[in-house]
Structure formats: C-alpha cells, structure tokens
Amino acid sequence: MSRIGRKHIDVPAGVSVAFENGVVTVKGKLGELKQDIKCKDINVVIGAGVVNVERANDEKQTRAYHGLYRQLIANMVAGVQTAFTKTVIVSGVGYKCAVTGNKLVMNIGYSKPVEYTIPEGITITCPDPLQIVVSGINKEYVGQVAAQIKAKRPVEPYHGYGMHYSTEVVLRKEAKTAGKK
C-alpha cells in the first residue's frame, strides 16, 4: 500500500470536507476549493475529523492515483486554513518591482518595464523592491504563478542577475581568466 495514500488527513476545526459525485469540496475560513476525482477506483471516506482515501484494486495506475489524490486533498485542507506562499527574489543592478492596482510592474533589465496581470485568487505583494511574495489557497496555482513570474528573467550564471526562488540555490560559474606565464 502507498505510504502517502494510507495516511489519514486530519481535518481541523472550521474546515469542512464533502465528497459527492466524484468531487471533493473543502471549505474553510480563507475560501473553498474543489477537486475532481477522475479515477473510479478511488473512494474518499470522511469520518469525524479525519479523511481517508481508499482504492478498490492494486493496478499500477490506481496505486499512483491513490497517493496523488490523498496529497491533493491534504493540500486543499491546509490551503483553506493557512495560505501557501512562494517568494521570488529579484537581483540585479537597477532591478526593482512594485504592485500597482492589479498589475505587478517589474523593471528587470529590459528597455521597458514588464507588466504581469495578477490572476484572481492570488495575492502578490512586494515587501521591498527586490522581493515578490505570491500567496493563495491553491498550492498548485501559487506555484504556477510564481514560475510564470520567475520565467520573465532567468538567472544569469556569471553575475547571478535575474529572478529566483528564495529557497533556490543559484549556481555561479567562474569567469574566464587570462593569466601571464
């Protein structure tokens, strides 16, 4: 049995989970999330403060879905209780970013500022001009938006200019040196 799939999900107070017609709905203080369970062999059993994901057989694809859906539901329960955040660091001479209205405006070394429209359900803040914090209740969507922002200026390996996650290690290359003999 899958190590991840067999773990139960603790549902904290203030969060409700429902499973009807193949759709799991999780409601909490920050909002509501829905996940469609596409595998017919996966069943979600909701108890008192606990959610279990069960599978009907041991086929390879069903086993893969077992762990996947369990983790997706666990992320939903965690997301409606506390928002997920991802931090993007901007580094470079003259680089800066700011939120104006529903747009993120980034001066990242191009001839014109790069604008990114903030999607619904996502909150973007700039605590300082070289830091972008993306937050929301859907972990997958937060990661996708952060990746789209980060892709606007990949990290350059010699000086480290560009955008990277706060948890990411930027590998720097050594510059060529010409020495006298």
N, C-alpha and C. Protein backbone atom coordinates (compact mmCIF):
# COMPACT_ATOMS: atom_id res chain seq x y z
N MET A 1 0.85 -1.18 0.00
CA MET A 1 0.00 0.00 0.00
C MET A 1 0.89 1.24 0.00
N SER A 2 0.46 2.26 -0.67
CA SER A 2 1.20 3.51 -0.78
C SER A 2 1.41 4.13 0.59
N ARG A 3 2.65 4.55 0.86
CA ARG A 3 2.94 5.18 2.15
C ARG A 3 2.18 6.49 2.31
N ILE A 4 2.11 7.25 1.23
CA ILE A 4 1.39 8.52 1.29
C ILE A 4 -0.11 8.28 1.29
N GLY A 5 -0.57 7.37 0.44
CA GLY A 5 -2.00 7.12 0.29
C GLY A 5 -2.68 6.59 1.54
N ARG A 6 -1.97 5.81 2.34
CA ARG A 6 -2.62 5.22 3.51
C ARG A 6 -2.67 6.14 4.71
N LYS A 7 -1.96 7.28 4.66
CA LYS A 7 -2.04 8.23 5.77
C LYS A 7 -3.41 8.89 5.80
N HIS A 8 -3.92 9.11 6.98
CA HIS A 8 -5.19 9.82 7.09
C HIS A 8 -4.93 11.33 7.11
N ILE A 9 -5.93 12.09 6.77
CA ILE A 9 -5.82 13.55 6.75
C ILE A 9 -6.63 14.09 7.91
N ASP A 10 -5.98 14.80 8.82
CA ASP A 10 -6.68 15.42 9.95
C ASP A 10 -7.36 16.69 9.47
N VAL A 11 -8.65 16.80 9.77
CA VAL A 11 -9.42 17.99 9.39
C VAL A 11 -9.55 18.87 10.63
N PRO A 12 -8.95 20.08 10.63
CA PRO A 12 -9.04 20.94 11.81
C PRO A 12 -10.42 21.56 11.95
N ALA A 13 -10.68 22.12 13.11
CA ALA A 13 -11.96 22.79 13.36
C ALA A 13 -12.09 23.99 12.43
N GLY A 14 -13.28 24.20 11.91
CA GLY A 14 -13.52 25.31 11.00
C GLY A 14 -13.36 24.93 9.54
N VAL A 15 -12.94 23.71 9.26
CA VAL A 15 -12.79 23.23 7.88
C VAL A 15 -13.77 22.09 7.66
N SER A 16 -14.52 22.15 6.56
CA SER A 16 -15.46 21.07 6.25
C SER A 16 -15.08 20.44 4.91
N VAL A 17 -15.21 19.11 4.85
CA VAL A 17 -14.88 18.34 3.65
C VAL A 17 -16.11 17.56 3.24
N ALA A 18 -16.43 17.60 1.93
CA ALA A 18 -17.56 16.84 1.39
C ALA A 18 -17.11 16.13 0.12
N PHE A 19 -17.69 14.93 -0.12
CA PHE A 19 -17.37 14.14 -1.32
C PHE A 19 -18.68 13.69 -1.95
N GLU A 20 -19.02 14.28 -3.10
CA GLU A 20 -20.25 13.94 -3.80
C GLU A 20 -19.99 13.88 -5.30
N ASN A 21 -20.49 12.83 -5.95
CA ASN A 21 -20.41 12.67 -7.41
C ASN A 21 -18.99 12.81 -7.94
N GLY A 22 -18.02 12.27 -7.22
CA GLY A 22 -16.64 12.29 -7.67
C GLY A 22 -15.93 13.62 -7.49
N VAL A 23 -16.48 14.53 -6.71
CA VAL A 23 -15.87 15.84 -6.48
C VAL A 23 -15.69 16.06 -4.97
N VAL A 24 -14.47 16.36 -4.58
CA VAL A 24 -14.17 16.68 -3.18
C VAL A 24 -14.23 18.19 -3.03
N THR A 25 -15.01 18.66 -2.05
CA THR A 25 -15.14 20.10 -1.78
C THR A 25 -14.63 20.36 -0.37
N VAL A 26 -13.71 21.31 -0.25
CA VAL A 26 -13.15 21.68 1.05
C VAL A 26 -13.44 23.16 1.27
N LYS A 27 -14.09 23.47 2.41
CA LYS A 27 -14.41 24.86 2.75
C LYS A 27 -13.71 25.22 4.06
N GLY A 28 -13.19 26.45 4.09
CA GLY A 28 -12.52 26.93 5.29
C GLY A 28 -12.65 28.43 5.39
N LYS A 29 -11.93 29.01 6.33
CA LYS A 29 -12.04 30.44 6.57
C LYS A 29 -11.48 31.28 5.43
N LEU A 30 -10.56 30.74 4.63
CA LEU A 30 -9.98 31.51 3.53
C LEU A 30 -10.67 31.31 2.19
N GLY A 31 -11.54 30.31 2.10
CA GLY A 31 -12.24 30.09 0.83
C GLY A 31 -12.66 28.65 0.63
N GLU A 32 -12.95 28.31 -0.61
CA GLU A 32 -13.45 26.98 -0.97
C GLU A 32 -12.65 26.45 -2.16
N LEU A 33 -12.28 25.17 -2.09
CA LEU A 33 -11.56 24.51 -3.18
C LEU A 33 -12.30 23.24 -3.57
N LYS A 34 -12.23 22.90 -4.86
CA LYS A 34 -12.85 21.67 -5.36
C LYS A 34 -11.82 20.87 -6.15
N GLN A 35 -11.91 19.55 -6.04
CA GLN A 35 -11.02 18.65 -6.79
C GLN A 35 -11.85 17.51 -7.35
N ASP A 36 -11.77 17.32 -8.66
CA ASP A 36 -12.48 16.25 -9.33
C ASP A 36 -11.64 14.98 -9.24
N ILE A 37 -12.22 13.89 -8.73
CA ILE A 37 -11.54 12.60 -8.64
C ILE A 37 -11.88 11.83 -9.92
N LYS A 38 -10.92 11.73 -10.84
CA LYS A 38 -11.19 11.16 -12.16
C LYS A 38 -11.10 9.65 -12.18
N CYS A 39 -10.48 9.05 -11.18
CA CYS A 39 -10.34 7.59 -11.13
C CYS A 39 -11.55 7.00 -10.40
N LYS A 40 -12.24 6.07 -11.03
CA LYS A 40 -13.44 5.46 -10.43
C LYS A 40 -13.09 4.50 -9.29
N ASP A 41 -11.82 4.04 -9.25
CA ASP A 41 -11.41 3.08 -8.22
C ASP A 41 -10.96 3.74 -6.93
N ILE A 42 -10.99 5.06 -6.88
CA ILE A 42 -10.59 5.80 -5.68
C ILE A 42 -11.85 6.28 -4.95
N ASN A 43 -11.89 6.05 -3.66
CA ASN A 43 -13.02 6.47 -2.84
C ASN A 43 -12.51 7.30 -1.68
N VAL A 44 -13.23 8.37 -1.35
CA VAL A 44 -12.87 9.24 -0.24
C VAL A 44 -13.86 8.99 0.89
N VAL A 45 -13.34 8.57 2.04
CA VAL A 45 -14.17 8.26 3.21
C VAL A 45 -13.95 9.37 4.24
N ILE A 46 -15.05 10.03 4.61
CA ILE A 46 -14.98 11.15 5.55
C ILE A 46 -15.54 10.71 6.89
N GLY A 47 -14.70 10.82 7.92
CA GLY A 47 -15.12 10.46 9.27
C GLY A 47 -15.17 11.70 10.14
N ALA A 48 -15.17 11.49 11.44
CA ALA A 48 -15.21 12.61 12.39
C ALA A 48 -13.82 13.21 12.53
N GLY A 49 -13.58 14.31 11.81
CA GLY A 49 -12.29 14.99 11.88
C GLY A 49 -11.18 14.33 11.11
N VAL A 50 -11.51 13.31 10.32
CA VAL A 50 -10.49 12.56 9.57
C VAL A 50 -11.01 12.24 8.18
N VAL A 51 -10.12 12.31 7.18
CA VAL A 51 -10.46 11.92 5.82
C VAL A 51 -9.48 10.84 5.40
N ASN A 52 -9.99 9.75 4.84
CA ASN A 52 -9.16 8.67 4.32
C ASN A 52 -9.44 8.49 2.83
N VAL A 53 -8.40 8.20 2.07
CA VAL A 53 -8.53 7.91 0.65
C VAL A 53 -8.25 6.42 0.47
N GLU A 54 -9.21 5.71 -0.14
CA GLU A 54 -9.08 4.27 -0.32
C GLU A 54 -9.13 3.91 -1.79
N ARG A 55 -8.51 2.78 -2.13
CA ARG A 55 -8.54 2.32 -3.52
C ARG A 55 -9.16 0.94 -3.58
N ALA A 56 -9.77 0.64 -4.75
CA ALA A 56 -10.51 -0.61 -4.90
C ALA A 56 -9.62 -1.77 -5.34
N ASN A 57 -8.53 -1.50 -6.06
CA ASN A 57 -7.67 -2.58 -6.55
C ASN A 57 -6.20 -2.15 -6.49
N ASP A 58 -5.32 -3.04 -6.93
CA ASP A 58 -3.88 -2.79 -6.87
C ASP A 58 -3.27 -2.58 -8.25
N GLU A 59 -4.04 -2.10 -9.21
CA GLU A 59 -3.47 -1.80 -10.52
C GLU A 59 -2.49 -0.65 -10.40
N LYS A 60 -1.53 -0.60 -11.32
CA LYS A 60 -0.47 0.40 -11.24
C LYS A 60 -1.01 1.82 -11.27
N GLN A 61 -1.93 2.11 -12.19
CA GLN A 61 -2.48 3.46 -12.31
C GLN A 61 -3.31 3.83 -11.08
N THR A 62 -4.05 2.89 -10.53
CA THR A 62 -4.87 3.15 -9.34
C THR A 62 -3.97 3.45 -8.15
N ARG A 63 -2.87 2.73 -8.03
CA ARG A 63 -1.92 2.99 -6.94
C ARG A 63 -1.32 4.38 -7.05
N ALA A 64 -1.03 4.81 -8.29
CA ALA A 64 -0.48 6.15 -8.49
C ALA A 64 -1.50 7.23 -8.10
N TYR A 65 -2.74 7.03 -8.51
CA TYR A 65 -3.80 7.99 -8.17
C TYR A 65 -4.07 8.03 -6.67
N HIS A 66 -3.88 6.90 -5.99
CA HIS A 66 -4.15 6.81 -4.56
C HIS A 66 -3.34 7.85 -3.79
N GLY A 67 -2.03 7.86 -3.98
CA GLY A 67 -1.17 8.82 -3.30
C GLY A 67 -1.39 10.24 -3.79
N LEU A 68 -1.63 10.39 -5.11
CA LEU A 68 -1.84 11.72 -5.69
C LEU A 68 -3.05 12.40 -5.08
N TYR A 69 -4.19 11.74 -5.10
CA TYR A 69 -5.41 12.37 -4.60
C TYR A 69 -5.38 12.60 -3.10
N ARG A 70 -4.72 11.72 -2.37
CA ARG A 70 -4.59 11.93 -0.93
C ARG A 70 -3.81 13.22 -0.66
N GLN A 71 -2.72 13.42 -1.40
CA GLN A 71 -1.90 14.61 -1.18
C GLN A 71 -2.60 15.88 -1.67
N LEU A 72 -3.34 15.79 -2.77
CA LEU A 72 -4.09 16.95 -3.26
C LEU A 72 -5.14 17.38 -2.24
N ILE A 73 -5.83 16.41 -1.64
CA ILE A 73 -6.85 16.73 -0.63
C ILE A 73 -6.18 17.32 0.62
N ALA A 74 -5.03 16.77 1.02
CA ALA A 74 -4.31 17.31 2.18
C ALA A 74 -3.87 18.74 1.93
N ASN A 75 -3.42 19.04 0.69
CA ASN A 75 -3.03 20.42 0.35
C ASN A 75 -4.24 21.35 0.36
N MET A 76 -5.40 20.85 -0.05
CA MET A 76 -6.62 21.66 -0.02
C MET A 76 -7.00 22.01 1.41
N VAL A 77 -6.93 21.01 2.30
CA VAL A 77 -7.28 21.23 3.71
C VAL A 77 -6.31 22.24 4.33
N ALA A 78 -5.03 22.13 4.01
CA ALA A 78 -4.05 23.06 4.56
C ALA A 78 -4.23 24.46 3.95
N GLY A 79 -4.58 24.54 2.68
CA GLY A 79 -4.70 25.82 1.99
C GLY A 79 -5.86 26.67 2.45
N VAL A 80 -7.00 26.05 2.76
CA VAL A 80 -8.15 26.85 3.21
C VAL A 80 -7.98 27.30 4.66
N GLN A 81 -7.02 26.74 5.35
CA GLN A 81 -6.75 27.14 6.73
C GLN A 81 -5.66 28.22 6.78
N THR A 82 -4.54 27.99 6.10
CA THR A 82 -3.45 28.98 6.00
C THR A 82 -3.00 29.02 4.55
N ALA A 83 -2.81 30.21 4.02
CA ALA A 83 -2.45 30.37 2.61
C ALA A 83 -1.03 29.89 2.34
N PHE A 84 -0.81 29.38 1.13
CA PHE A 84 0.52 28.98 0.69
C PHE A 84 1.24 30.21 0.15
N THR A 85 2.54 30.31 0.36
CA THR A 85 3.31 31.43 -0.17
C THR A 85 4.56 30.93 -0.87
N LYS A 86 4.97 31.68 -1.86
CA LYS A 86 6.20 31.40 -2.58
C LYS A 86 6.88 32.75 -2.80
N THR A 87 8.16 32.85 -2.50
CA THR A 87 8.88 34.11 -2.59
C THR A 87 9.87 34.07 -3.75
N VAL A 88 9.82 35.10 -4.59
CA VAL A 88 10.73 35.24 -5.72
C VAL A 88 11.65 36.42 -5.42
N ILE A 89 12.96 36.17 -5.51
CA ILE A 89 13.96 37.20 -5.26
C ILE A 89 14.43 37.77 -6.60
N VAL A 90 14.49 39.10 -6.69
CA VAL A 90 14.96 39.79 -7.89
C VAL A 90 16.34 40.33 -7.57
N SER A 91 17.35 39.99 -8.38
CA SER A 91 18.69 40.51 -8.12
C SER A 91 19.30 41.03 -9.41
N GLY A 92 19.81 42.24 -9.33
CA GLY A 92 20.45 42.86 -10.48
C GLY A 92 20.57 44.36 -10.26
N VAL A 93 21.50 44.98 -10.96
CA VAL A 93 21.72 46.41 -10.83
C VAL A 93 20.55 47.15 -11.47
N GLY A 94 19.85 47.97 -10.70
CA GLY A 94 18.73 48.74 -11.21
C GLY A 94 17.43 47.97 -11.31
N TYR A 95 17.40 46.72 -10.88
CA TYR A 95 16.19 45.92 -10.93
C TYR A 95 15.29 46.30 -9.77
N LYS A 96 13.99 46.35 -10.01
CA LYS A 96 13.03 46.59 -8.94
C LYS A 96 11.65 46.16 -9.41
N CYS A 97 10.74 45.98 -8.46
CA CYS A 97 9.38 45.58 -8.79
C CYS A 97 8.42 46.25 -7.81
N ALA A 98 7.18 46.41 -8.26
CA ALA A 98 6.15 47.04 -7.43
C ALA A 98 4.79 46.59 -7.92
N VAL A 99 3.82 46.58 -7.01
CA VAL A 99 2.44 46.24 -7.36
C VAL A 99 1.66 47.54 -7.49
N THR A 100 1.04 47.74 -8.66
CA THR A 100 0.19 48.91 -8.88
C THR A 100 -1.16 48.42 -9.37
N GLY A 101 -2.18 48.58 -8.54
CA GLY A 101 -3.51 48.10 -8.90
C GLY A 101 -3.52 46.58 -8.95
N ASN A 102 -3.92 46.02 -10.09
CA ASN A 102 -3.93 44.56 -10.24
C ASN A 102 -2.80 44.10 -11.16
N LYS A 103 -1.71 44.88 -11.22
CA LYS A 103 -0.56 44.53 -12.05
C LYS A 103 0.71 44.55 -11.23
N LEU A 104 1.58 43.63 -11.55
CA LEU A 104 2.93 43.60 -11.00
C LEU A 104 3.83 44.21 -12.06
N VAL A 105 4.48 45.32 -11.74
CA VAL A 105 5.36 46.02 -12.69
C VAL A 105 6.79 45.73 -12.28
N MET A 106 7.56 45.15 -13.22
CA MET A 106 8.94 44.75 -12.94
C MET A 106 9.90 45.46 -13.88
N ASN A 107 10.87 46.16 -13.33
CA ASN A 107 11.98 46.71 -14.10
C ASN A 107 13.13 45.74 -13.93
N ILE A 108 13.34 44.88 -14.92
CA ILE A 108 14.30 43.79 -14.78
C ILE A 108 15.30 43.75 -15.93
N GLY A 109 15.73 44.92 -16.35
CA GLY A 109 16.81 44.98 -17.33
C GLY A 109 16.39 45.04 -18.78
N TYR A 110 15.12 45.07 -19.08
CA TYR A 110 14.65 45.23 -20.44
C TYR A 110 14.45 46.72 -20.72
N SER A 111 14.24 47.09 -21.99
CA SER A 111 14.10 48.50 -22.34
C SER A 111 12.82 49.11 -21.76
N LYS A 112 11.80 48.29 -21.54
CA LYS A 112 10.55 48.76 -20.96
C LYS A 112 10.20 47.90 -19.75
N PRO A 113 9.43 48.44 -18.81
CA PRO A 113 9.00 47.63 -17.67
C PRO A 113 8.12 46.46 -18.12
N VAL A 114 8.26 45.33 -17.45
CA VAL A 114 7.46 44.15 -17.73
C VAL A 114 6.27 44.16 -16.78
N GLU A 115 5.05 44.05 -17.35
CA GLU A 115 3.85 44.04 -16.52
C GLU A 115 3.26 42.63 -16.50
N TYR A 116 2.81 42.21 -15.33
CA TYR A 116 2.17 40.91 -15.15
C TYR A 116 0.83 41.15 -14.46
N THR A 117 -0.26 40.76 -15.11
CA THR A 117 -1.59 40.92 -14.51
C THR A 117 -1.80 39.85 -13.44
N ILE A 118 -2.17 40.29 -12.26
CA ILE A 118 -2.35 39.37 -11.14
C ILE A 118 -3.66 38.62 -11.34
N PRO A 119 -3.61 37.27 -11.39
CA PRO A 119 -4.84 36.50 -11.59
C PRO A 119 -5.72 36.49 -10.34
N GLU A 120 -6.98 36.13 -10.55
CA GLU A 120 -7.93 36.05 -9.44
C GLU A 120 -7.56 34.89 -8.52
N GLY A 121 -7.72 35.10 -7.23
CA GLY A 121 -7.41 34.05 -6.26
C GLY A 121 -5.96 34.07 -5.80
N ILE A 122 -5.16 34.97 -6.35
CA ILE A 122 -3.75 35.08 -5.99
C ILE A 122 -3.50 36.48 -5.46
N THR A 123 -2.68 36.57 -4.40
CA THR A 123 -2.28 37.85 -3.84
C THR A 123 -0.78 38.00 -4.04
N ILE A 124 -0.37 39.11 -4.64
CA ILE A 124 1.05 39.37 -4.84
C ILE A 124 1.40 40.65 -4.10
N THR A 125 2.46 40.58 -3.29
CA THR A 125 2.94 41.75 -2.56
C THR A 125 4.44 41.89 -2.80
N CYS A 126 4.92 43.11 -2.64
CA CYS A 126 6.35 43.40 -2.74
C CYS A 126 6.79 44.07 -1.44
N PRO A 127 7.23 43.30 -0.43
CA PRO A 127 7.65 43.90 0.83
C PRO A 127 8.82 44.87 0.65
N ASP A 128 9.70 44.57 -0.30
CA ASP A 128 10.74 45.51 -0.69
C ASP A 128 10.92 45.41 -2.20
N PRO A 129 11.61 46.34 -2.83
CA PRO A 129 11.67 46.36 -4.30
C PRO A 129 12.33 45.15 -4.95
N LEU A 130 13.02 44.33 -4.18
CA LEU A 130 13.71 43.17 -4.75
C LEU A 130 13.12 41.84 -4.29
N GLN A 131 11.87 41.86 -3.84
CA GLN A 131 11.23 40.64 -3.35
C GLN A 131 9.77 40.63 -3.77
N ILE A 132 9.32 39.49 -4.32
CA ILE A 132 7.93 39.31 -4.72
C ILE A 132 7.38 38.13 -3.94
N VAL A 133 6.28 38.32 -3.22
CA VAL A 133 5.66 37.25 -2.45
C VAL A 133 4.32 36.91 -3.10
N VAL A 134 4.20 35.66 -3.57
CA VAL A 134 2.98 35.17 -4.20
C VAL A 134 2.27 34.29 -3.18
N SER A 135 0.98 34.56 -2.90
CA SER A 135 0.26 33.75 -1.93
C SER A 135 -1.16 33.47 -2.41
N GLY A 136 -1.72 32.36 -1.92
CA GLY A 136 -3.07 31.95 -2.26
C GLY A 136 -3.41 30.64 -1.58
N ILE A 137 -4.65 30.19 -1.74
CA ILE A 137 -5.08 28.97 -1.05
C ILE A 137 -4.82 27.71 -1.87
N ASN A 138 -4.63 27.84 -3.19
CA ASN A 138 -4.39 26.69 -4.05
C ASN A 138 -2.88 26.55 -4.29
N LYS A 139 -2.27 25.51 -3.75
CA LYS A 139 -0.82 25.34 -3.81
C LYS A 139 -0.32 25.24 -5.24
N GLU A 140 -1.04 24.51 -6.08
CA GLU A 140 -0.64 24.33 -7.47
C GLU A 140 -0.66 25.67 -8.22
N TYR A 141 -1.68 26.46 -8.01
CA TYR A 141 -1.84 27.74 -8.69
C TYR A 141 -0.79 28.75 -8.23
N VAL A 142 -0.47 28.75 -6.94
CA VAL A 142 0.57 29.63 -6.40
C VAL A 142 1.91 29.30 -7.05
N GLY A 143 2.23 28.02 -7.15
CA GLY A 143 3.48 27.61 -7.78
C GLY A 143 3.54 27.96 -9.25
N GLN A 144 2.40 27.81 -9.94
CA GLN A 144 2.35 28.13 -11.36
C GLN A 144 2.57 29.62 -11.60
N VAL A 145 1.92 30.48 -10.83
CA VAL A 145 2.06 31.93 -10.98
C VAL A 145 3.48 32.35 -10.64
N ALA A 146 4.06 31.79 -9.58
CA ALA A 146 5.44 32.12 -9.21
C ALA A 146 6.41 31.71 -10.32
N ALA A 147 6.16 30.57 -10.94
CA ALA A 147 7.02 30.11 -12.04
C ALA A 147 6.89 31.00 -13.27
N GLN A 148 5.69 31.49 -13.55
CA GLN A 148 5.49 32.41 -14.68
C GLN A 148 6.23 33.73 -14.44
N ILE A 149 6.19 34.23 -13.22
CA ILE A 149 6.90 35.47 -12.89
C ILE A 149 8.40 35.25 -12.99
N LYS A 150 8.88 34.15 -12.44
CA LYS A 150 10.31 33.84 -12.44
C LYS A 150 10.85 33.66 -13.86
N ALA A 151 10.01 33.17 -14.77
CA ALA A 151 10.43 32.93 -16.15
C ALA A 151 10.63 34.23 -16.94
N LYS A 152 10.17 35.35 -16.41
CA LYS A 152 10.35 36.63 -17.12
C LYS A 152 11.82 37.03 -17.23
N ARG A 153 12.66 36.61 -16.26
CA ARG A 153 14.09 36.90 -16.31
C ARG A 153 14.84 35.78 -15.61
N PRO A 154 15.26 34.74 -16.38
CA PRO A 154 16.02 33.64 -15.78
C PRO A 154 17.35 34.15 -15.20
N VAL A 155 17.90 33.41 -14.26
CA VAL A 155 19.14 33.81 -13.61
C VAL A 155 20.31 33.64 -14.57
N GLU A 156 21.13 34.66 -14.66
CA GLU A 156 22.33 34.64 -15.48
C GLU A 156 23.45 34.04 -14.62
N PRO A 157 24.18 33.03 -15.12
CA PRO A 157 25.07 32.26 -14.25
C PRO A 157 26.37 32.96 -13.83
N TYR A 158 26.80 34.03 -14.49
CA TYR A 158 28.08 34.64 -14.14
C TYR A 158 27.96 35.70 -13.05
N HIS A 159 26.95 36.55 -13.11
CA HIS A 159 26.76 37.58 -12.09
C HIS A 159 25.61 37.26 -11.14
N GLY A 160 24.74 36.33 -11.51
CA GLY A 160 23.59 35.98 -10.68
C GLY A 160 22.42 36.91 -10.86
N TYR A 161 22.43 37.73 -11.94
CA TYR A 161 21.30 38.64 -12.18
C TYR A 161 20.10 37.83 -12.65
N GLY A 162 18.93 38.23 -12.23
CA GLY A 162 17.71 37.57 -12.66
C GLY A 162 16.78 37.33 -11.49
N MET A 163 15.86 36.38 -11.67
CA MET A 163 14.87 36.08 -10.65
C MET A 163 14.98 34.61 -10.24
N HIS A 164 14.92 34.37 -8.95
CA HIS A 164 14.97 33.00 -8.43
C HIS A 164 14.15 32.92 -7.15
N TYR A 165 13.77 31.67 -6.79
CA TYR A 165 13.03 31.46 -5.54
C TYR A 165 13.95 31.71 -4.35
N SER A 166 13.37 32.05 -3.22
CA SER A 166 14.17 32.31 -2.03
C SER A 166 14.84 31.03 -1.52
N THR A 167 14.25 29.87 -1.82
CA THR A 167 14.81 28.60 -1.37
C THR A 167 15.77 27.99 -2.39
N GLU A 168 15.89 28.61 -3.55
CA GLU A 168 16.69 28.07 -4.63
C GLU A 168 18.16 28.49 -4.48
N VAL A 169 19.06 27.56 -4.75
CA VAL A 169 20.48 27.85 -4.72
C VAL A 169 20.91 28.20 -6.15
N VAL A 170 21.48 29.39 -6.32
CA VAL A 170 21.91 29.83 -7.64
C VAL A 170 23.36 29.40 -7.83
N LEU A 171 23.60 28.55 -8.83
CA LEU A 171 24.96 28.11 -9.12
C LEU A 171 25.64 29.16 -9.99
N ARG A 172 26.78 29.62 -9.54
CA ARG A 172 27.52 30.64 -10.26
C ARG A 172 28.69 30.01 -10.98
N LYS A 173 28.92 30.46 -12.20
CA LYS A 173 30.07 29.99 -12.97
C LYS A 173 31.25 30.93 -12.72
N GLU A 174 32.42 30.36 -12.86
CA GLU A 174 33.61 31.17 -12.71
C GLU A 174 33.93 31.84 -14.03
N ALA A 175 34.31 33.11 -13.99
CA ALA A 175 34.61 33.83 -15.22
C ALA A 175 35.96 33.36 -15.78
N LYS A 176 36.11 33.52 -17.08
CA LYS A 176 37.38 33.14 -17.70
C LYS A 176 38.46 34.11 -17.26
N THR A 177 39.63 33.57 -17.01
CA THR A 177 40.74 34.40 -16.60
C THR A 177 41.92 34.15 -17.53
N ALA A 178 42.59 35.21 -17.89
CA ALA A 178 43.78 35.09 -18.74
C ALA A 178 44.98 35.44 -17.86
N GLY A 179 45.80 34.49 -17.62
CA GLY A 179 46.95 34.73 -16.76
C GLY A 179 48.23 34.78 -17.57
N LYS A 180 49.21 35.49 -17.04
CA LYS A 180 50.52 35.57 -17.69
C LYS A 180 51.37 34.40 -17.22
N LYS A 181 52.20 33.94 -18.14
CA LYS A 181 53.06 32.80 -17.80
C LYS A 181 54.40 33.24 -17.33
